[in-house]
Amino acid sequence: MRLRCFGHVLRATKQSVEKIAHEFGVPGKRPRGRPTQRWADTLHKDLRIVGLHPDQAHERSKWRLQSRTADRATTRDKR
């Protein structure tokens, strides 16, 4: 689901709200201690698992096929 959502963001226009929010950097320092897991870190891990690059988001059919593969690989078994 993350990669499908991210594909929409990557294909959006430069002035769209989701694209601006994705590229927005929060100023300031992070707190001490263990670094928290960020959405971008998880997203990059998912991209590595399926072998996709963000530049490939404009190839919708390939992106859709690969992102569905990632959804199956990263979801938990609900018993």
PDB file of N, CA and C in Angstrom:
ATOM      1  N   MET A   1       0.817  -1.186   0.000  1.00  0.00           N
ATOM      2  CA  MET A   1       0.000   0.000   0.000  1.00  0.00           C
ATOM      3  C   MET A   1       0.871   1.266   0.000  1.00  0.00           C
ATOM      4  N   ARG A   2       2.005   1.200   0.703  1.00  0.00           N
ATOM      5  CA  ARG A   2       2.894   2.367   0.759  1.00  0.00           C
ATOM      6  C   ARG A   2       3.411   2.739  -0.621  1.00  0.00           C
ATOM      7  N   LEU A   3       3.833   1.728  -1.385  1.00  0.00           N
ATOM      8  CA  LEU A   3       4.404   2.020  -2.696  1.00  0.00           C
ATOM      9  C   LEU A   3       3.354   2.522  -3.677  1.00  0.00           C
ATOM     10  N   ARG A   4       2.133   2.014  -3.566  1.00  0.00           N
ATOM     11  CA  ARG A   4       1.076   2.518  -4.444  1.00  0.00           C
ATOM     12  C   ARG A   4       0.811   3.987  -4.148  1.00  0.00           C
ATOM     13  N   CYS A   5       0.751   4.328  -2.876  1.00  0.00           N
ATOM     14  CA  CYS A   5       0.541   5.721  -2.467  1.00  0.00           C
ATOM     15  C   CYS A   5       1.718   6.587  -2.926  1.00  0.00           C
ATOM     16  N   PHE A   6       2.915   6.093  -2.759  1.00  0.00           N
ATOM     17  CA  PHE A   6       4.110   6.837  -3.153  1.00  0.00           C
ATOM     18  C   PHE A   6       4.159   7.048  -4.663  1.00  0.00           C
ATOM     19  N   GLY A   7       3.681   6.076  -5.431  1.00  0.00           N
ATOM     20  CA  GLY A   7       3.619   6.229  -6.880  1.00  0.00           C
ATOM     21  C   GLY A   7       2.736   7.396  -7.284  1.00  0.00           C
ATOM     22  N   HIS A   8       1.605   7.560  -6.604  1.00  0.00           N
ATOM     23  CA  HIS A   8       0.721   8.697  -6.879  1.00  0.00           C
ATOM     24  C   HIS A   8       1.433  10.014  -6.581  1.00  0.00           C
ATOM     25  N   VAL A   9       2.171  10.041  -5.488  1.00  0.00           N
ATOM     26  CA  VAL A   9       2.895  11.259  -5.111  1.00  0.00           C
ATOM     27  C   VAL A   9       3.962  11.590  -6.156  1.00  0.00           C
ATOM     28  N   LEU A  10       4.681  10.587  -6.611  1.00  0.00           N
ATOM     29  CA  LEU A  10       5.744  10.829  -7.592  1.00  0.00           C
ATOM     30  C   LEU A  10       5.200  11.295  -8.935  1.00  0.00           C
ATOM     31  N   ARG A  11       4.015  10.810  -9.307  1.00  0.00           N
ATOM     32  CA  ARG A  11       3.424  11.207 -10.584  1.00  0.00           C
ATOM     33  C   ARG A  11       2.692  12.545 -10.512  1.00  0.00           C
ATOM     34  N   ALA A  12       2.508  13.089  -9.327  1.00  0.00           N
ATOM     35  CA  ALA A  12       1.780  14.354  -9.158  1.00  0.00           C
ATOM     36  C   ALA A  12       2.590  15.520  -9.726  1.00  0.00           C
ATOM     37  N   THR A  13       1.890  16.607  -9.992  1.00  0.00           N
ATOM     38  CA  THR A  13       2.570  17.799 -10.509  1.00  0.00           C
ATOM     39  C   THR A  13       3.395  18.455  -9.402  1.00  0.00           C
ATOM     40  N   LYS A  14       4.318  19.289  -9.796  1.00  0.00           N
ATOM     41  CA  LYS A  14       5.225  19.940  -8.846  1.00  0.00           C
ATOM     42  C   LYS A  14       4.488  20.841  -7.857  1.00  0.00           C
ATOM     43  N   GLN A  15       3.341  21.402  -8.262  1.00  0.00           N
ATOM     44  CA  GLN A  15       2.598  22.325  -7.407  1.00  0.00           C
ATOM     45  C   GLN A  15       1.552  21.629  -6.537  1.00  0.00           C
ATOM     46  N   SER A  16       1.398  20.320  -6.651  1.00  0.00           N
ATOM     47  CA  SER A  16       0.369  19.625  -5.874  1.00  0.00           C
ATOM     48  C   SER A  16       0.758  19.571  -4.394  1.00  0.00           C
ATOM     49  N   VAL A  17      -0.245  19.510  -3.557  1.00  0.00           N
ATOM     50  CA  VAL A  17      -0.027  19.522  -2.108  1.00  0.00           C
ATOM     51  C   VAL A  17       0.783  18.309  -1.660  1.00  0.00           C
ATOM     52  N   GLU A  18       0.458  17.133  -2.197  1.00  0.00           N
ATOM     53  CA  GLU A  18       1.174  15.929  -1.770  1.00  0.00           C
ATOM     54  C   GLU A  18       2.646  15.966  -2.163  1.00  0.00           C
ATOM     55  N   LYS A  19       2.963  16.536  -3.325  1.00  0.00           N
ATOM     56  CA  LYS A  19       4.357  16.637  -3.758  1.00  0.00           C
ATOM     57  C   LYS A  19       5.120  17.629  -2.875  1.00  0.00           C
ATOM     58  N   ILE A  20       4.488  18.749  -2.547  1.00  0.00           N
ATOM     59  CA  ILE A  20       5.113  19.750  -1.675  1.00  0.00           C
ATOM     60  C   ILE A  20       5.353  19.162  -0.290  1.00  0.00           C
ATOM     61  N   ALA A  21       4.375  18.427   0.226  1.00  0.00           N
ATOM     62  CA  ALA A  21       4.510  17.820   1.552  1.00  0.00           C
ATOM     63  C   ALA A  21       5.619  16.772   1.565  1.00  0.00           C
ATOM     64  N   HIS A  22       5.741  16.014   0.482  1.00  0.00           N
ATOM     65  CA  HIS A  22       6.779  14.980   0.414  1.00  0.00           C
ATOM     66  C   HIS A  22       8.181  15.599   0.394  1.00  0.00           C
ATOM     67  N   GLU A  23       8.335  16.704  -0.295  1.00  0.00           N
ATOM     68  CA  GLU A  23       9.650  17.329  -0.430  1.00  0.00           C
ATOM     69  C   GLU A  23       9.972  18.310   0.691  1.00  0.00           C
ATOM     70  N   PHE A  24       9.040  18.513   1.606  1.00  0.00           N
ATOM     71  CA  PHE A  24       9.226  19.471   2.691  1.00  0.00           C
ATOM     72  C   PHE A  24      10.206  18.920   3.721  1.00  0.00           C
ATOM     73  N   GLY A  25      11.172  19.721   4.115  1.00  0.00           N
ATOM     74  CA  GLY A  25      12.130  19.334   5.142  1.00  0.00           C
ATOM     75  C   GLY A  25      11.819  20.053   6.441  1.00  0.00           C
ATOM     76  N   VAL A  26      11.771  19.318   7.521  1.00  0.00           N
ATOM     77  CA  VAL A  26      11.467  19.920   8.816  1.00  0.00           C
ATOM     78  C   VAL A  26      12.766  20.432   9.428  1.00  0.00           C
ATOM     79  N   PRO A  27      12.830  21.723   9.743  1.00  0.00           N
ATOM     80  CA  PRO A  27      14.056  22.261  10.332  1.00  0.00           C
ATOM     81  C   PRO A  27      14.180  21.863  11.802  1.00  0.00           C
ATOM     82  N   GLY A  28      15.389  21.897  12.293  1.00  0.00           N
ATOM     83  CA  GLY A  28      15.606  21.606  13.706  1.00  0.00           C
ATOM     84  C   GLY A  28      16.398  20.329  13.911  1.00  0.00           C
ATOM     85  N   LYS A  29      16.657  20.037  15.177  1.00  0.00           N
ATOM     86  CA  LYS A  29      17.432  18.859  15.530  1.00  0.00           C
ATOM     87  C   LYS A  29      16.511  17.746  16.005  1.00  0.00           C
ATOM     88  N   ARG A  30      16.971  16.529  15.821  1.00  0.00           N
ATOM     89  CA  ARG A  30      16.234  15.365  16.312  1.00  0.00           C
ATOM     90  C   ARG A  30      16.623  15.125  17.772  1.00  0.00           C
ATOM     91  N   PRO A  31      15.744  14.515  18.548  1.00  0.00           N
ATOM     92  CA  PRO A  31      16.075  14.263  19.948  1.00  0.00           C
ATOM     93  C   PRO A  31      17.178  13.214  20.092  1.00  0.00           C
ATOM     94  N   ARG A  32      17.797  13.192  21.262  1.00  0.00           N
ATOM     95  CA  ARG A  32      18.841  12.214  21.546  1.00  0.00           C
ATOM     96  C   ARG A  32      18.264  10.820  21.620  1.00  0.00           C
ATOM     97  N   GLY A  33      19.139   9.849  21.470  1.00  0.00           N
ATOM     98  CA  GLY A  33      18.720   8.463  21.606  1.00  0.00           C
ATOM     99  C   GLY A  33      18.619   7.761  20.261  1.00  0.00           C
ATOM    100  N   ARG A  34      17.916   6.654  20.292  1.00  0.00           N
ATOM    101  CA  ARG A  34      17.762   5.844  19.090  1.00  0.00           C
ATOM    102  C   ARG A  34      16.956   6.609  18.037  1.00  0.00           C
ATOM    103  N   PRO A  35      17.421   6.618  16.798  1.00  0.00           N
ATOM    104  CA  PRO A  35      16.655   7.301  15.752  1.00  0.00           C
ATOM    105  C   PRO A  35      15.310   6.605  15.529  1.00  0.00           C
ATOM    106  N   THR A  36      14.261   7.395  15.386  1.00  0.00           N
ATOM    107  CA  THR A  36      12.951   6.813  15.151  1.00  0.00           C
ATOM    108  C   THR A  36      12.840   6.350  13.711  1.00  0.00           C
ATOM    109  N   GLN A  37      12.012   5.340  13.497  1.00  0.00           N
ATOM    110  CA  GLN A  37      11.775   4.833  12.148  1.00  0.00           C
ATOM    111  C   GLN A  37      10.941   5.856  11.384  1.00  0.00           C
ATOM    112  N   ARG A  38      11.450   6.312  10.270  1.00  0.00           N
ATOM    113  CA  ARG A  38      10.742   7.302   9.469  1.00  0.00           C
ATOM    114  C   ARG A  38      10.037   6.617   8.300  1.00  0.00           C
ATOM    115  N   TRP A  39       8.978   7.256   7.801  1.00  0.00           N
ATOM    116  CA  TRP A  39       8.221   6.708   6.685  1.00  0.00           C
ATOM    117  C   TRP A  39       9.126   6.561   5.466  1.00  0.00           C
ATOM    118  N   ALA A  40      10.000   7.521   5.246  1.00  0.00           N
ATOM    119  CA  ALA A  40      10.895   7.480   4.086  1.00  0.00           C
ATOM    120  C   ALA A  40      11.866   6.301   4.181  1.00  0.00           C
ATOM    121  N   ASP A  41      12.340   5.982   5.383  1.00  0.00           N
ATOM    122  CA  ASP A  41      13.247   4.846   5.557  1.00  0.00           C
ATOM    123  C   ASP A  41      12.550   3.541   5.182  1.00  0.00           C
ATOM    124  N   THR A  42      11.324   3.379   5.660  1.00  0.00           N
ATOM    125  CA  THR A  42      10.549   2.180   5.352  1.00  0.00           C
ATOM    126  C   THR A  42      10.256   2.104   3.862  1.00  0.00           C
ATOM    127  N   LEU A  43       9.958   3.226   3.269  1.00  0.00           N
ATOM    128  CA  LEU A  43       9.661   3.285   1.848  1.00  0.00           C
ATOM    129  C   LEU A  43      10.874   2.883   1.012  1.00  0.00           C
ATOM    130  N   HIS A  44      12.034   3.393   1.356  1.00  0.00           N
ATOM    131  CA  HIS A  44      13.253   3.044   0.616  1.00  0.00           C
ATOM    132  C   HIS A  44      13.593   1.563   0.783  1.00  0.00           C
ATOM    133  N   LYS A  45      13.306   1.006   1.947  1.00  0.00           N
ATOM    134  CA  LYS A  45      13.522  -0.427   2.154  1.00  0.00           C
ATOM    135  C   LYS A  45      12.594  -1.241   1.251  1.00  0.00           C
ATOM    136  N   ASP A  46      11.335  -0.833   1.157  1.00  0.00           N
ATOM    137  CA  ASP A  46      10.384  -1.508   0.271  1.00  0.00           C
ATOM    138  C   ASP A  46      10.827  -1.411  -1.188  1.00  0.00           C
ATOM    139  N   LEU A  47      11.320  -0.245  -1.593  1.00  0.00           N
ATOM    140  CA  LEU A  47      11.798  -0.073  -2.967  1.00  0.00           C
ATOM    141  C   LEU A  47      12.973  -1.004  -3.259  1.00  0.00           C
ATOM    142  N   ARG A  48      13.870  -1.145  -2.290  1.00  0.00           N
ATOM    143  CA  ARG A  48      15.011  -2.044  -2.460  1.00  0.00           C
ATOM    144  C   ARG A  48      14.555  -3.493  -2.578  1.00  0.00           C
ATOM    145  N   ILE A  49      13.545  -3.884  -1.792  1.00  0.00           N
ATOM    146  CA  ILE A  49      13.057  -5.265  -1.804  1.00  0.00           C
ATOM    147  C   ILE A  49      12.557  -5.651  -3.192  1.00  0.00           C
ATOM    148  N   VAL A  50      11.780  -4.783  -3.815  1.00  0.00           N
ATOM    149  CA  VAL A  50      11.186  -5.116  -5.110  1.00  0.00           C
ATOM    150  C   VAL A  50      12.029  -4.673  -6.296  1.00  0.00           C
ATOM    151  N   GLY A  51      13.099  -3.935  -6.057  1.00  0.00           N
ATOM    152  CA  GLY A  51      13.985  -3.522  -7.137  1.00  0.00           C
ATOM    153  C   GLY A  51      13.431  -2.395  -7.992  1.00  0.00           C
ATOM    154  N   LEU A  52      12.711  -1.484  -7.382  1.00  0.00           N
ATOM    155  CA  LEU A  52      12.165  -0.327  -8.096  1.00  0.00           C
ATOM    156  C   LEU A  52      12.973   0.921  -7.779  1.00  0.00           C
ATOM    157  N   HIS A  53      12.955   1.858  -8.707  1.00  0.00           N
ATOM    158  CA  HIS A  53      13.572   3.166  -8.505  1.00  0.00           C
ATOM    159  C   HIS A  53      12.471   4.205  -8.641  1.00  0.00           C
ATOM    160  N   PRO A  54      12.492   5.274  -7.858  1.00  0.00           N
ATOM    161  CA  PRO A  54      11.429   6.287  -7.952  1.00  0.00           C
ATOM    162  C   PRO A  54      11.212   6.850  -9.359  1.00  0.00           C
ATOM    163  N   ASP A  55      12.235   6.832 -10.205  1.00  0.00           N
ATOM    164  CA  ASP A  55      12.081   7.329 -11.577  1.00  0.00           C
ATOM    165  C   ASP A  55      11.148   6.448 -12.408  1.00  0.00           C
ATOM    166  N   GLN A  56      10.929   5.217 -11.972  1.00  0.00           N
ATOM    167  CA  GLN A  56      10.081   4.291 -12.717  1.00  0.00           C
ATOM    168  C   GLN A  56       8.597   4.470 -12.420  1.00  0.00           C
ATOM    169  N   ALA A  57       8.228   5.412 -11.580  1.00  0.00           N
ATOM    170  CA  ALA A  57       6.823   5.608 -11.207  1.00  0.00           C
ATOM    171  C   ALA A  57       5.972   6.025 -12.397  1.00  0.00           C
ATOM    172  N   HIS A  58       6.568   6.643 -13.400  1.00  0.00           N
ATOM    173  CA  HIS A  58       5.800   7.081 -14.564  1.00  0.00           C
ATOM    174  C   HIS A  58       5.439   5.910 -15.475  1.00  0.00           C
ATOM    175  N   GLU A  59       6.096   4.774 -15.310  1.00  0.00           N
ATOM    176  CA  GLU A  59       5.715   3.548 -16.018  1.00  0.00           C
ATOM    177  C   GLU A  59       4.687   2.835 -15.138  1.00  0.00           C
ATOM    178  N   ARG A  60       3.430   3.236 -15.262  1.00  0.00           N
ATOM    179  CA  ARG A  60       2.389   2.812 -14.322  1.00  0.00           C
ATOM    180  C   ARG A  60       2.204   1.302 -14.260  1.00  0.00           C
ATOM    181  N   SER A  61       2.227   0.623 -15.407  1.00  0.00           N
ATOM    182  CA  SER A  61       1.974  -0.820 -15.399  1.00  0.00           C
ATOM    183  C   SER A  61       3.072  -1.564 -14.642  1.00  0.00           C
ATOM    184  N   LYS A  62       4.318  -1.191 -14.875  1.00  0.00           N
ATOM    185  CA  LYS A  62       5.427  -1.836 -14.169  1.00  0.00           C
ATOM    186  C   LYS A  62       5.374  -1.502 -12.678  1.00  0.00           C
ATOM    187  N   TRP A  63       5.100  -0.233 -12.363  1.00  0.00           N
ATOM    188  CA  TRP A  63       5.029   0.193 -10.960  1.00  0.00           C
ATOM    189  C   TRP A  63       3.926  -0.568 -10.228  1.00  0.00           C
ATOM    190  N   ARG A  64       2.761  -0.698 -10.870  1.00  0.00           N
ATOM    191  CA  ARG A  64       1.630  -1.388 -10.246  1.00  0.00           C
ATOM    192  C   ARG A  64       1.972  -2.848  -9.970  1.00  0.00           C
ATOM    193  N   LEU A  65       2.557  -3.510 -10.946  1.00  0.00           N
ATOM    194  CA  LEU A  65       2.908  -4.919 -10.782  1.00  0.00           C
ATOM    195  C   LEU A  65       3.916  -5.102  -9.651  1.00  0.00           C
ATOM    196  N   GLN A  66       4.961  -4.295  -9.649  1.00  0.00           N
ATOM    197  CA  GLN A  66       5.991  -4.416  -8.620  1.00  0.00           C
ATOM    198  C   GLN A  66       5.486  -4.003  -7.240  1.00  0.00           C
ATOM    199  N   SER A  67       4.638  -2.987  -7.168  1.00  0.00           N
ATOM    200  CA  SER A  67       4.144  -2.550  -5.856  1.00  0.00           C
ATOM    201  C   SER A  67       3.208  -3.588  -5.259  1.00  0.00           C
ATOM    202  N   ARG A  68       2.468  -4.301  -6.081  1.00  0.00           N
ATOM    203  CA  ARG A  68       1.628  -5.390  -5.558  1.00  0.00           C
ATOM    204  C   ARG A  68       2.493  -6.505  -5.004  1.00  0.00           C
ATOM    205  N   THR A  69       3.614  -6.762  -5.636  1.00  0.00           N
ATOM    206  CA  THR A  69       4.550  -7.760  -5.124  1.00  0.00           C
ATOM    207  C   THR A  69       5.070  -7.336  -3.758  1.00  0.00           C
ATOM    208  N   ALA A  70       5.375  -6.071  -3.604  1.00  0.00           N
ATOM    209  CA  ALA A  70       5.880  -5.565  -2.324  1.00  0.00           C
ATOM    210  C   ALA A  70       4.811  -5.634  -1.248  1.00  0.00           C
ATOM    211  N   ASP A  71       3.555  -5.369  -1.601  1.00  0.00           N
ATOM    212  CA  ASP A  71       2.481  -5.441  -0.614  1.00  0.00           C
ATOM    213  C   ASP A  71       2.385  -6.838  -0.026  1.00  0.00           C
ATOM    214  N   ARG A  72       2.487  -7.834  -0.867  1.00  0.00           N
ATOM    215  CA  ARG A  72       2.419  -9.208  -0.372  1.00  0.00           C
ATOM    216  C   ARG A  72       3.636  -9.564   0.472  1.00  0.00           C
ATOM    217  N   ALA A  73       4.790  -9.023   0.111  1.00  0.00           N
ATOM    218  CA  ALA A  73       6.025  -9.370   0.813  1.00  0.00           C
ATOM    219  C   ALA A  73       6.143  -8.686   2.167  1.00  0.00           C
ATOM    220  N   THR A  74       5.487  -7.557   2.352  1.00  0.00           N
ATOM    221  CA  THR A  74       5.694  -6.797   3.583  1.00  0.00           C
ATOM    222  C   THR A  74       4.501  -6.816   4.534  1.00  0.00           C
ATOM    223  N   THR A  75       3.384  -7.423   4.140  1.00  0.00           N
ATOM    224  CA  THR A  75       2.238  -7.478   5.048  1.00  0.00           C
ATOM    225  C   THR A  75       2.412  -8.613   6.033  1.00  0.00           C
ATOM    226  N   ARG A  76       1.817  -8.453   7.189  1.00  0.00           N
ATOM    227  CA  ARG A  76       1.914  -9.486   8.211  1.00  0.00           C
ATOM    228  C   ARG A  76       0.835 -10.537   8.005  1.00  0.00           C
ATOM    229  N   ASP A  77       1.129 -11.733   8.442  1.00  0.00           N
ATOM    230  CA  ASP A  77       0.160 -12.821   8.382  1.00  0.00           C
ATOM    231  C   ASP A  77      -0.839 -12.616   9.514  1.00  0.00           C
ATOM    232  N   LYS A  78      -2.085 -12.349   9.181  1.00  0.00           N
ATOM    233  CA  LYS A  78      -3.099 -12.070  10.206  1.00  0.00           C
ATOM    234  C   LYS A  78      -3.828 -13.357  10.552  1.00  0.00           C
ATOM    235  N   ARG A  79      -3.522 -13.904  11.693  1.00  0.00           N
ATOM    236  CA  ARG A  79      -4.187 -15.133  12.148  1.00  0.00           C
ATOM    237  C   ARG A  79      -4.985 -14.863  13.371  1.00  0.00           C
TER     238      ARG A  79
END
